[in-house]
Amino acid sequence: MKVVVDEEKCVAAGQCVAAAMDVFDQRDEDGIVVLLSENPSPELADDVRNAAAVCPALAIHIED
């Protein structure tokens, strides 16, 4: 699994962090998503897929 984020689309809602805090964070200055792990462990796959699904801006993409 490879995770790609589009910072230009991000609206700083923080749903990704709530869903998968081991993979996503937010910049302090503006709340834009920060990808902590481009290739998260298989144990985190469900959380990452959930984060992509709940992102209101559809800024998270998963490549299998």
Protein backbone atom coordinates (compact mmCIF):
# COMPACT_ATOMS: atom_id res chain seq x y z
CA MET A 1 0.00 0.00 0.00
CA LYS A 2 1.23 3.45 -0.92
CA VAL A 3 -0.50 6.58 0.39
CA VAL A 4 -0.51 9.83 -1.55
CA VAL A 5 -1.94 13.11 -0.26
CA ASP A 6 -2.84 16.19 -2.26
CA GLU A 7 -2.03 19.13 0.00
CA GLU A 8 -3.70 21.50 -2.48
CA LYS A 9 -7.06 19.79 -1.93
CA CYS A 10 -6.74 19.45 1.86
CA VAL A 11 -9.21 21.57 3.83
CA ALA A 12 -7.62 20.89 7.24
CA ALA A 13 -10.65 19.05 8.65
CA GLY A 14 -8.46 16.60 10.59
CA GLN A 15 -10.57 13.54 9.85
CA CYS A 16 -7.51 11.67 8.58
CA VAL A 17 -5.69 12.20 11.87
CA ALA A 18 -8.69 10.99 13.83
CA ALA A 19 -8.89 7.87 11.67
CA ALA A 20 -5.17 7.02 11.41
CA MET A 21 -2.96 9.11 13.68
CA ASP A 22 0.04 6.85 13.06
CA VAL A 23 -0.04 7.77 9.37
CA PHE A 24 -1.34 11.36 9.27
CA ASP A 25 -0.71 14.57 11.17
CA GLN A 26 -1.47 18.23 10.57
CA ARG A 27 0.82 21.24 10.20
CA ASP A 28 0.60 23.55 13.19
CA GLU A 29 0.42 26.73 11.15
CA ASP A 30 -2.54 25.86 8.91
CA GLY A 31 -3.78 22.35 9.69
CA ILE A 32 -2.89 20.94 6.27
CA VAL A 33 -2.28 17.18 6.24
CA VAL A 34 1.20 15.80 6.84
CA LEU A 35 1.89 12.27 5.68
CA LEU A 36 3.94 10.47 8.33
CA SER A 37 4.23 7.17 6.48
CA GLU A 38 3.94 6.78 2.72
CA ASN A 39 3.99 2.98 3.07
CA PRO A 40 2.19 2.14 6.33
CA SER A 41 2.31 -1.35 7.79
CA PRO A 42 -0.41 -3.81 6.77
CA GLU A 43 -1.91 -3.56 10.28
CA LEU A 44 -2.82 0.07 9.54
CA ALA A 45 -4.44 -0.59 6.14
CA ASP A 46 -8.03 -0.49 7.40
CA ASP A 47 -7.42 2.78 9.28
CA VAL A 48 -5.79 4.37 6.21
CA ARG A 49 -8.65 3.28 3.94
CA ASN A 50 -11.10 4.73 6.46
CA ALA A 51 -9.14 8.00 6.54
CA ALA A 52 -9.35 8.25 2.75
CA ALA A 53 -13.06 7.52 2.85
CA VAL A 54 -13.88 10.19 5.45
CA CYS A 55 -11.69 12.93 3.96
CA PRO A 56 -14.17 15.68 2.98
CA ALA A 57 -11.81 17.00 0.29
CA LEU A 58 -10.91 13.58 -1.16
CA ALA A 59 -7.26 14.55 -0.73
CA ILE A 60 -6.02 11.05 0.19
CA HIS A 61 -5.33 8.45 -2.47
CA ILE A 62 -4.28 4.86 -1.95
CA GLU A 63 -2.27 2.87 -4.45
CA ASP A 64 -2.22 -0.87 -3.87
